[in-house]
Amino acid sequence: KAWQGKKDNVTAAQNAVQKRALLNGAACRGEYQS
């Protein structure tokens, strides 16, 4: 959704995937909070 096929949006899109990955990493340890 953040990327939209535009080079100018790459950083925002990468921030979004990094955040989601880290939240799931926390969930792997039972440490995720809403």
PDB file of all heavy atoms in Angstrom:
ATOM      1  N   LYS A   1       0.830  -1.213   0.000  1.00  0.00           N
ATOM      2  CA  LYS A   1       0.000   0.000   0.000  1.00  0.00           C
ATOM      3  C   LYS A   1       0.861   1.259   0.000  1.00  0.00           C
ATOM      4  O   LYS A   1       0.554   2.248  -0.669  1.00  0.00           O
ATOM      5  CB  LYS A   1      -0.920  -0.013   1.214  1.00  0.00           C
ATOM      6  CG  LYS A   1      -1.903   1.145   1.270  1.00  0.00           C
ATOM      7  CD  LYS A   1      -2.820   1.015   2.469  1.00  0.00           C
ATOM      8  CE  LYS A   1      -3.808   2.180   2.533  1.00  0.00           C
ATOM      9  NZ  LYS A   1      -4.709   2.055   3.720  1.00  0.00           N
ATOM     10  N   ALA A   2       1.966   1.240   0.730  1.00  0.00           N
ATOM     11  CA  ALA A   2       2.855   2.403   0.792  1.00  0.00           C
ATOM     12  C   ALA A   2       3.650   2.572  -0.491  1.00  0.00           C
ATOM     13  O   ALA A   2       3.942   3.701  -0.908  1.00  0.00           O
ATOM     14  CB  ALA A   2       3.806   2.270   1.981  1.00  0.00           C
ATOM     15  N   TRP A   3       4.005   1.474  -1.144  1.00  0.00           N
ATOM     16  CA  TRP A   3       4.872   1.514  -2.323  1.00  0.00           C
ATOM     17  C   TRP A   3       4.199   2.157  -3.525  1.00  0.00           C
ATOM     18  O   TRP A   3       4.751   3.089  -4.125  1.00  0.00           O
ATOM     19  CB  TRP A   3       5.346   0.106  -2.652  1.00  0.00           C
ATOM     20  CG  TRP A   3       6.218  -0.023  -3.854  1.00  0.00           C
ATOM     21  CD1 TRP A   3       7.435   0.552  -4.061  1.00  0.00           C
ATOM     22  CD2 TRP A   3       5.939  -0.817  -5.016  1.00  0.00           C
ATOM     23  NE1 TRP A   3       7.940   0.169  -5.294  1.00  0.00           N
ATOM     24  CE2 TRP A   3       7.040  -0.664  -5.895  1.00  0.00           C
ATOM     25  CE3 TRP A   3       4.871  -1.637  -5.400  1.00  0.00           C
ATOM     26  CZ2 TRP A   3       7.091  -1.304  -7.130  1.00  0.00           C
ATOM     27  CZ3 TRP A   3       4.929  -2.281  -6.618  1.00  0.00           C
ATOM     28  CH2 TRP A   3       6.020  -2.115  -7.474  1.00  0.00           C
ATOM     29  N   GLN A   4       3.037   1.634  -3.899  1.00  0.00           N
ATOM     30  CA  GLN A   4       2.262   2.181  -5.020  1.00  0.00           C
ATOM     31  C   GLN A   4       3.034   2.185  -6.345  1.00  0.00           C
ATOM     32  O   GLN A   4       2.706   2.936  -7.266  1.00  0.00           O
ATOM     33  CB  GLN A   4       1.792   3.616  -4.697  1.00  0.00           C
ATOM     34  CG  GLN A   4       0.839   3.733  -3.529  1.00  0.00           C
ATOM     35  CD  GLN A   4      -0.534   3.136  -3.804  1.00  0.00           C
ATOM     36  OE1 GLN A   4      -1.115   3.374  -4.858  1.00  0.00           O
ATOM     37  NE2 GLN A   4      -1.046   2.357  -2.862  1.00  0.00           N
ATOM     38  N   GLY A   5       4.087   1.386  -6.433  1.00  0.00           N
ATOM     39  CA  GLY A   5       4.837   1.303  -7.672  1.00  0.00           C
ATOM     40  C   GLY A   5       5.746   2.489  -7.947  1.00  0.00           C
ATOM     41  O   GLY A   5       6.240   2.642  -9.069  1.00  0.00           O
ATOM     42  N   LYS A   6       6.028   3.315  -6.943  1.00  0.00           N
ATOM     43  CA  LYS A   6       6.791   4.545  -7.153  1.00  0.00           C
ATOM     44  C   LYS A   6       8.119   4.490  -6.395  1.00  0.00           C
ATOM     45  O   LYS A   6       8.165   4.141  -5.217  1.00  0.00           O
ATOM     46  CB  LYS A   6       5.981   5.751  -6.683  1.00  0.00           C
ATOM     47  CG  LYS A   6       4.656   5.916  -7.421  1.00  0.00           C
ATOM     48  CD  LYS A   6       3.844   7.066  -6.848  1.00  0.00           C
ATOM     49  CE  LYS A   6       2.506   7.205  -7.572  1.00  0.00           C
ATOM     50  NZ  LYS A   6       1.665   8.287  -6.981  1.00  0.00           N
ATOM     51  N   LYS A   7       9.202   4.888  -7.077  1.00  0.00           N
ATOM     52  CA  LYS A   7      10.521   4.890  -6.451  1.00  0.00           C
ATOM     53  C   LYS A   7      10.568   5.827  -5.247  1.00  0.00           C
ATOM     54  O   LYS A   7      11.284   5.554  -4.274  1.00  0.00           O
ATOM     55  CB  LYS A   7      11.583   5.292  -7.467  1.00  0.00           C
ATOM     56  CG  LYS A   7      11.866   4.221  -8.525  1.00  0.00           C
ATOM     57  CD  LYS A   7      13.022   4.628  -9.421  1.00  0.00           C
ATOM     58  CE  LYS A   7      13.340   3.531 -10.434  1.00  0.00           C
ATOM     59  NZ  LYS A   7      14.478   3.903 -11.314  1.00  0.00           N
ATOM     60  N   ASP A   8       9.836   6.922  -5.316  1.00  0.00           N
ATOM     61  CA  ASP A   8       9.837   7.877  -4.206  1.00  0.00           C
ATOM     62  C   ASP A   8       9.250   7.286  -2.927  1.00  0.00           C
ATOM     63  O   ASP A   8       9.463   7.836  -1.836  1.00  0.00           O
ATOM     64  CB  ASP A   8       9.046   9.135  -4.587  1.00  0.00           C
ATOM     65  CG  ASP A   8       9.745   9.972  -5.648  1.00  0.00           C
ATOM     66  OD1 ASP A   8      10.943   9.739  -5.886  1.00  0.00           O
ATOM     67  OD2 ASP A   8       9.081  10.851  -6.240  1.00  0.00           O
ATOM     68  N   ASN A   9       8.525   6.186  -3.061  1.00  0.00           N
ATOM     69  CA  ASN A   9       7.857   5.578  -1.901  1.00  0.00           C
ATOM     70  C   ASN A   9       8.610   4.379  -1.335  1.00  0.00           C
ATOM     71  O   ASN A   9       8.127   3.723  -0.412  1.00  0.00           O
ATOM     72  CB  ASN A   9       6.445   5.130  -2.280  1.00  0.00           C
ATOM     73  CG  ASN A   9       5.536   6.287  -2.623  1.00  0.00           C
ATOM     74  OD1 ASN A   9       5.789   7.428  -2.244  1.00  0.00           O
ATOM     75  ND2 ASN A   9       4.449   6.008  -3.339  1.00  0.00           N
ATOM     76  N   VAL A  10       9.791   4.084  -1.887  1.00  0.00           N
ATOM     77  CA  VAL A  10      10.521   2.885  -1.466  1.00  0.00           C
ATOM     78  C   VAL A  10      10.844   2.922   0.026  1.00  0.00           C
ATOM     79  O   VAL A  10      10.653   1.935   0.747  1.00  0.00           O
ATOM     80  CB  VAL A  10      11.806   2.707  -2.300  1.00  0.00           C
ATOM     81  CG1 VAL A  10      12.752   1.702  -1.643  1.00  0.00           C
ATOM     82  CG2 VAL A  10      11.453   2.240  -3.710  1.00  0.00           C
ATOM     83  N   THR A  11      11.329   4.054   0.522  1.00  0.00           N
ATOM     84  CA  THR A  11      11.698   4.138   1.942  1.00  0.00           C
ATOM     85  C   THR A  11      10.488   3.909   2.835  1.00  0.00           C
ATOM     86  O   THR A  11      10.563   3.164   3.833  1.00  0.00           O
ATOM     87  CB  THR A  11      12.336   5.501   2.255  1.00  0.00           C
ATOM     88  OG1 THR A  11      13.543   5.637   1.494  1.00  0.00           O
ATOM     89  CG2 THR A  11      12.674   5.609   3.735  1.00  0.00           C
ATOM     90  N   ALA A  12       9.361   4.527   2.500  1.00  0.00           N
ATOM     91  CA  ALA A  12       8.145   4.340   3.303  1.00  0.00           C
ATOM     92  C   ALA A  12       7.690   2.892   3.270  1.00  0.00           C
ATOM     93  O   ALA A  12       7.267   2.333   4.299  1.00  0.00           O
ATOM     94  CB  ALA A  12       7.036   5.258   2.789  1.00  0.00           C
ATOM     95  N   ALA A  13       7.780   2.258   2.105  1.00  0.00           N
ATOM     96  CA  ALA A  13       7.372   0.860   1.985  1.00  0.00           C
ATOM     97  C   ALA A  13       8.299  -0.056   2.784  1.00  0.00           C
ATOM     98  O   ALA A  13       7.850  -0.995   3.455  1.00  0.00           O
ATOM     99  CB  ALA A  13       7.367   0.451   0.513  1.00  0.00           C
ATOM    100  N   GLN A  14       9.608   0.232   2.726  1.00  0.00           N
ATOM    101  CA  GLN A  14      10.558  -0.574   3.496  1.00  0.00           C
ATOM    102  C   GLN A  14      10.354  -0.398   4.994  1.00  0.00           C
ATOM    103  O   GLN A  14      10.478  -1.356   5.762  1.00  0.00           O
ATOM    104  CB  GLN A  14      11.988  -0.216   3.094  1.00  0.00           C
ATOM    105  CG  GLN A  14      12.344  -0.689   1.692  1.00  0.00           C
ATOM    106  CD  GLN A  14      13.764  -0.358   1.302  1.00  0.00           C
ATOM    107  OE1 GLN A  14      14.356   0.617   1.791  1.00  0.00           O
ATOM    108  NE2 GLN A  14      14.352  -1.161   0.428  1.00  0.00           N
ATOM    109  N   ASN A  15      10.031   0.800   5.418  1.00  0.00           N
ATOM    110  CA  ASN A  15       9.732   1.026   6.834  1.00  0.00           C
ATOM    111  C   ASN A  15       8.522   0.200   7.261  1.00  0.00           C
ATOM    112  O   ASN A  15       8.483  -0.339   8.378  1.00  0.00           O
ATOM    113  CB  ASN A  15       9.468   2.508   7.097  1.00  0.00           C
ATOM    114  CG  ASN A  15      10.721   3.354   7.010  1.00  0.00           C
ATOM    115  OD1 ASN A  15      11.833   2.845   7.107  1.00  0.00           O
ATOM    116  ND2 ASN A  15      10.553   4.652   6.832  1.00  0.00           N
ATOM    117  N   ALA A  16       7.545   0.088   6.361  1.00  0.00           N
ATOM    118  CA  ALA A  16       6.330  -0.661   6.679  1.00  0.00           C
ATOM    119  C   ALA A  16       6.619  -2.152   6.810  1.00  0.00           C
ATOM    120  O   ALA A  16       6.135  -2.808   7.747  1.00  0.00           O
ATOM    121  CB  ALA A  16       5.270  -0.415   5.604  1.00  0.00           C
ATOM    122  N   VAL A  17       7.408  -2.709   5.890  1.00  0.00           N
ATOM    123  CA  VAL A  17       7.699  -4.138   5.974  1.00  0.00           C
ATOM    124  C   VAL A  17       8.624  -4.441   7.147  1.00  0.00           C
ATOM    125  O   VAL A  17       8.481  -5.476   7.825  1.00  0.00           O
ATOM    126  CB  VAL A  17       8.274  -4.670   4.642  1.00  0.00           C
ATOM    127  CG1 VAL A  17       9.712  -4.241   4.421  1.00  0.00           C
ATOM    128  CG2 VAL A  17       8.182  -6.193   4.593  1.00  0.00           C
ATOM    129  N   GLN A  18       9.554  -3.544   7.443  1.00  0.00           N
ATOM    130  CA  GLN A  18      10.435  -3.756   8.588  1.00  0.00           C
ATOM    131  C   GLN A  18       9.636  -3.765   9.890  1.00  0.00           C
ATOM    132  O   GLN A  18       9.837  -4.622  10.760  1.00  0.00           O
ATOM    133  CB  GLN A  18      11.511  -2.680   8.646  1.00  0.00           C
ATOM    134  CG  GLN A  18      12.487  -2.878   9.810  1.00  0.00           C
ATOM    135  CD  GLN A  18      13.395  -1.692  10.035  1.00  0.00           C
ATOM    136  OE1 GLN A  18      12.940  -0.554  10.012  1.00  0.00           O
ATOM    137  NE2 GLN A  18      14.681  -1.960  10.251  1.00  0.00           N
ATOM    138  N   LYS A  19       8.708  -2.819  10.011  1.00  0.00           N
ATOM    139  CA  LYS A  19       7.891  -2.760  11.221  1.00  0.00           C
ATOM    140  C   LYS A  19       7.086  -4.040  11.401  1.00  0.00           C
ATOM    141  O   LYS A  19       7.054  -4.624  12.490  1.00  0.00           O
ATOM    142  CB  LYS A  19       6.955  -1.558  11.162  1.00  0.00           C
ATOM    143  CG  LYS A  19       5.989  -1.473  12.339  1.00  0.00           C
ATOM    144  CD  LYS A  19       5.068  -0.271  12.231  1.00  0.00           C
ATOM    145  CE  LYS A  19       4.050  -0.253  13.364  1.00  0.00           C
ATOM    146  NZ  LYS A  19       3.144   0.929  13.290  1.00  0.00           N
ATOM    147  N   ARG A  20       6.452  -4.493  10.302  1.00  0.00           N
ATOM    148  CA  ARG A  20       5.626  -5.698  10.393  1.00  0.00           C
ATOM    149  C   ARG A  20       6.478  -6.908  10.758  1.00  0.00           C
ATOM    150  O   ARG A  20       6.084  -7.753  11.557  1.00  0.00           O
ATOM    151  CB  ARG A  20       4.941  -5.917   9.049  1.00  0.00           C
ATOM    152  CG  ARG A  20       3.720  -6.772   9.081  1.00  0.00           C
ATOM    153  CD  ARG A  20       2.530  -6.018   9.634  1.00  0.00           C
ATOM    154  NE  ARG A  20       2.121  -6.560  10.923  1.00  0.00           N
ATOM    155  CZ  ARG A  20       1.533  -5.834  11.853  1.00  0.00           C
ATOM    156  NH1 ARG A  20       1.288  -4.558  11.680  1.00  0.00           N
ATOM    157  NH2 ARG A  20       1.183  -6.381  13.002  1.00  0.00           N
ATOM    158  N   ALA A  21       7.672  -7.005  10.174  1.00  0.00           N
ATOM    159  CA  ALA A  21       8.559  -8.127  10.471  1.00  0.00           C
ATOM    160  C   ALA A  21       8.987  -8.112  11.934  1.00  0.00           C
ATOM    161  O   ALA A  21       8.981  -9.153  12.606  1.00  0.00           O
ATOM    162  CB  ALA A  21       9.780  -8.082   9.558  1.00  0.00           C
ATOM    163  N   LEU A  22       9.352  -6.953  12.447  1.00  0.00           N
ATOM    164  CA  LEU A  22       9.784  -6.851  13.845  1.00  0.00           C
ATOM    165  C   LEU A  22       8.646  -7.168  14.812  1.00  0.00           C
ATOM    166  O   LEU A  22       8.866  -7.790  15.863  1.00  0.00           O
ATOM    167  CB  LEU A  22      10.341  -5.456  14.116  1.00  0.00           C
ATOM    168  CG  LEU A  22      11.681  -5.130  13.443  1.00  0.00           C
ATOM    169  CD1 LEU A  22      12.048  -3.667  13.655  1.00  0.00           C
ATOM    170  CD2 LEU A  22      12.795  -6.036  13.976  1.00  0.00           C
ATOM    171  N   LEU A  23       7.417  -6.762  14.467  1.00  0.00           N
ATOM    172  CA  LEU A  23       6.277  -7.082  15.329  1.00  0.00           C
ATOM    173  C   LEU A  23       6.044  -8.584  15.372  1.00  0.00           C
ATOM    174  O   LEU A  23       5.747  -9.151  16.437  1.00  0.00           O
ATOM    175  CB  LEU A  23       5.024  -6.357  14.836  1.00  0.00           C
ATOM    176  CG  LEU A  23       5.001  -4.832  15.021  1.00  0.00           C
ATOM    177  CD1 LEU A  23       3.756  -4.231  14.383  1.00  0.00           C
ATOM    178  CD2 LEU A  23       5.075  -4.461  16.495  1.00  0.00           C
ATOM    179  N   ASN A  24       6.194  -9.245  14.232  1.00  0.00           N
ATOM    180  CA  ASN A  24       6.049 -10.698  14.225  1.00  0.00           C
ATOM    181  C   ASN A  24       7.217 -11.382  14.924  1.00  0.00           C
ATOM    182  O   ASN A  24       7.043 -12.433  15.540  1.00  0.00           O
ATOM    183  CB  ASN A  24       5.890 -11.202  12.789  1.00  0.00           C
ATOM    184  CG  ASN A  24       4.486 -10.984  12.258  1.00  0.00           C
ATOM    185  OD1 ASN A  24       3.536 -11.553  12.754  1.00  0.00           O
ATOM    186  ND2 ASN A  24       4.358 -10.133  11.249  1.00  0.00           N
ATOM    187  N   GLY A  25       8.397 -10.772  14.843  1.00  0.00           N
ATOM    188  CA  GLY A  25       9.522 -11.302  15.602  1.00  0.00           C
ATOM    189  C   GLY A  25       9.254 -11.252  17.097  1.00  0.00           C
ATOM    190  O   GLY A  25       9.564 -12.190  17.835  1.00  0.00           O
ATOM    191  N   ALA A  26       8.646 -10.145  17.557  1.00  0.00           N
ATOM    192  CA  ALA A  26       8.267 -10.042  18.965  1.00  0.00           C
ATOM    193  C   ALA A  26       7.219 -11.092  19.313  1.00  0.00           C
ATOM    194  O   ALA A  26       7.251 -11.701  20.399  1.00  0.00           O
ATOM    195  CB  ALA A  26       7.742  -8.638  19.265  1.00  0.00           C
ATOM    196  N   ALA A  27       6.283 -11.339  18.392  1.00  0.00           N
ATOM    197  CA  ALA A  27       5.246 -12.345  18.635  1.00  0.00           C
ATOM    198  C   ALA A  27       5.839 -13.742  18.746  1.00  0.00           C
ATOM    199  O   ALA A  27       5.299 -14.596  19.465  1.00  0.00           O
ATOM    200  CB  ALA A  27       4.211 -12.295  17.520  1.00  0.00           C
ATOM    201  N   CYS A  28       6.944 -13.994  18.060  1.00  0.00           N
ATOM    202  CA  CYS A  28       7.617 -15.295  18.174  1.00  0.00           C
ATOM    203  C   CYS A  28       8.130 -15.542  19.591  1.00  0.00           C
ATOM    204  O   CYS A  28       8.332 -16.687  20.000  1.00  0.00           O
ATOM    205  CB  CYS A  28       8.791 -15.365  17.204  1.00  0.00           C
ATOM    206  SG  CYS A  28       8.335 -15.514  15.476  1.00  0.00           S
ATOM    207  N   ARG A  29       8.361 -14.461  20.327  1.00  0.00           N
ATOM    208  CA  ARG A  29       8.839 -14.574  21.706  1.00  0.00           C
ATOM    209  C   ARG A  29       7.724 -14.355  22.720  1.00  0.00           C
ATOM    210  O   ARG A  29       7.976 -14.350  23.931  1.00  0.00           O
ATOM    211  CB  ARG A  29       9.951 -13.549  21.941  1.00  0.00           C
ATOM    212  CG  ARG A  29      11.164 -13.716  21.015  1.00  0.00           C
ATOM    213  CD  ARG A  29      12.274 -12.729  21.369  1.00  0.00           C
ATOM    214  NE  ARG A  29      11.863 -11.346  21.160  1.00  0.00           N
ATOM    215  CZ  ARG A  29      11.999 -10.690  20.009  1.00  0.00           C
ATOM    216  NH1 ARG A  29      12.538 -11.302  18.961  1.00  0.00           N
ATOM    217  NH2 ARG A  29      11.619  -9.436  19.902  1.00  0.00           N
ATOM    218  N   GLY A  30       6.483 -14.149  22.246  1.00  0.00           N
ATOM    219  CA  GLY A  30       5.367 -13.867  23.136  1.00  0.00           C
ATOM    220  C   GLY A  30       5.461 -12.498  23.769  1.00  0.00           C
ATOM    221  O   GLY A  30       4.893 -12.252  24.834  1.00  0.00           O
ATOM    222  N   GLU A  31       6.146 -11.556  23.078  1.00  0.00           N
ATOM    223  CA  GLU A  31       6.405 -10.230  23.645  1.00  0.00           C
ATOM    224  C   GLU A  31       5.674  -9.109  22.910  1.00  0.00           C
ATOM    225  O   GLU A  31       5.889  -7.935  23.191  1.00  0.00           O
ATOM    226  CB  GLU A  31       7.913  -9.953  23.619  1.00  0.00           C
ATOM    227  CG  GLU A  31       8.713 -10.931  24.475  1.00  0.00           C
ATOM    228  CD  GLU A  31      10.215 -10.759  24.311  1.00  0.00           C
ATOM    229  OE1 GLU A  31      10.635  -9.920  23.469  1.00  0.00           O
ATOM    230  OE2 GLU A  31      10.970 -11.465  25.004  1.00  0.00           O
ATOM    231  N   TYR A  32       4.821  -9.472  21.959  1.00  0.00           N
ATOM    232  CA  TYR A  32       4.073  -8.461  21.209  1.00  0.00           C
ATOM    233  C   TYR A  32       2.992  -7.836  22.089  1.00  0.00           C
ATOM    234  O   TYR A  32       2.330  -8.522  22.874  1.00  0.00           O
ATOM    235  CB  TYR A  32       3.434  -9.106  19.982  1.00  0.00           C
ATOM    236  CG  TYR A  32       2.373  -8.272  19.298  1.00  0.00           C
ATOM    237  CD1 TYR A  32       2.720  -7.296  18.374  1.00  0.00           C
ATOM    238  CD2 TYR A  32       1.025  -8.477  19.574  1.00  0.00           C
ATOM    239  CE1 TYR A  32       1.752  -6.538  17.731  1.00  0.00           C
ATOM    240  CE2 TYR A  32       0.038  -7.729  18.937  1.00  0.00           C
ATOM    241  CZ  TYR A  32       0.414  -6.759  18.018  1.00  0.00           C
ATOM    242  OH  TYR A  32      -0.559  -6.006  17.392  1.00  0.00           O
ATOM    243  N   GLN A  33       2.814  -6.534  21.959  1.00  0.00           N
ATOM    244  CA  GLN A  33       1.734  -5.813  22.637  1.00  0.00           C
ATOM    245  C   GLN A  33       1.052  -4.903  21.620  1.00  0.00           C
ATOM    246  O   GLN A  33       1.714  -4.327  20.747  1.00  0.00           O
ATOM    247  CB  GLN A  33       2.267  -4.986  23.799  1.00  0.00           C
ATOM    248  CG  GLN A  33       2.901  -5.823  24.913  1.00  0.00           C
ATOM    249  CD  GLN A  33       3.457  -4.988  26.035  1.00  0.00           C
ATOM    250  OE1 GLN A  33       3.207  -3.784  26.106  1.00  0.00           O
ATOM    251  NE2 GLN A  33       4.227  -5.607  26.926  1.00  0.00           N
ATOM    252  N   SER A  34      -0.251  -4.739  21.737  1.00  0.00           N
ATOM    253  CA  SER A  34      -1.017  -4.017  20.722  1.00  0.00           C
ATOM    254  C   SER A  34      -0.552  -2.578  20.562  1.00  0.00           C
ATOM    255  O   SER A  34      -0.624  -2.009  19.463  1.00  0.00           O
ATOM    256  CB  SER A  34      -2.511  -4.046  21.066  1.00  0.00           C
ATOM    257  OG  SER A  34      -2.745  -3.475  22.346  1.00  0.00           O
TER     258      SER A  34
END
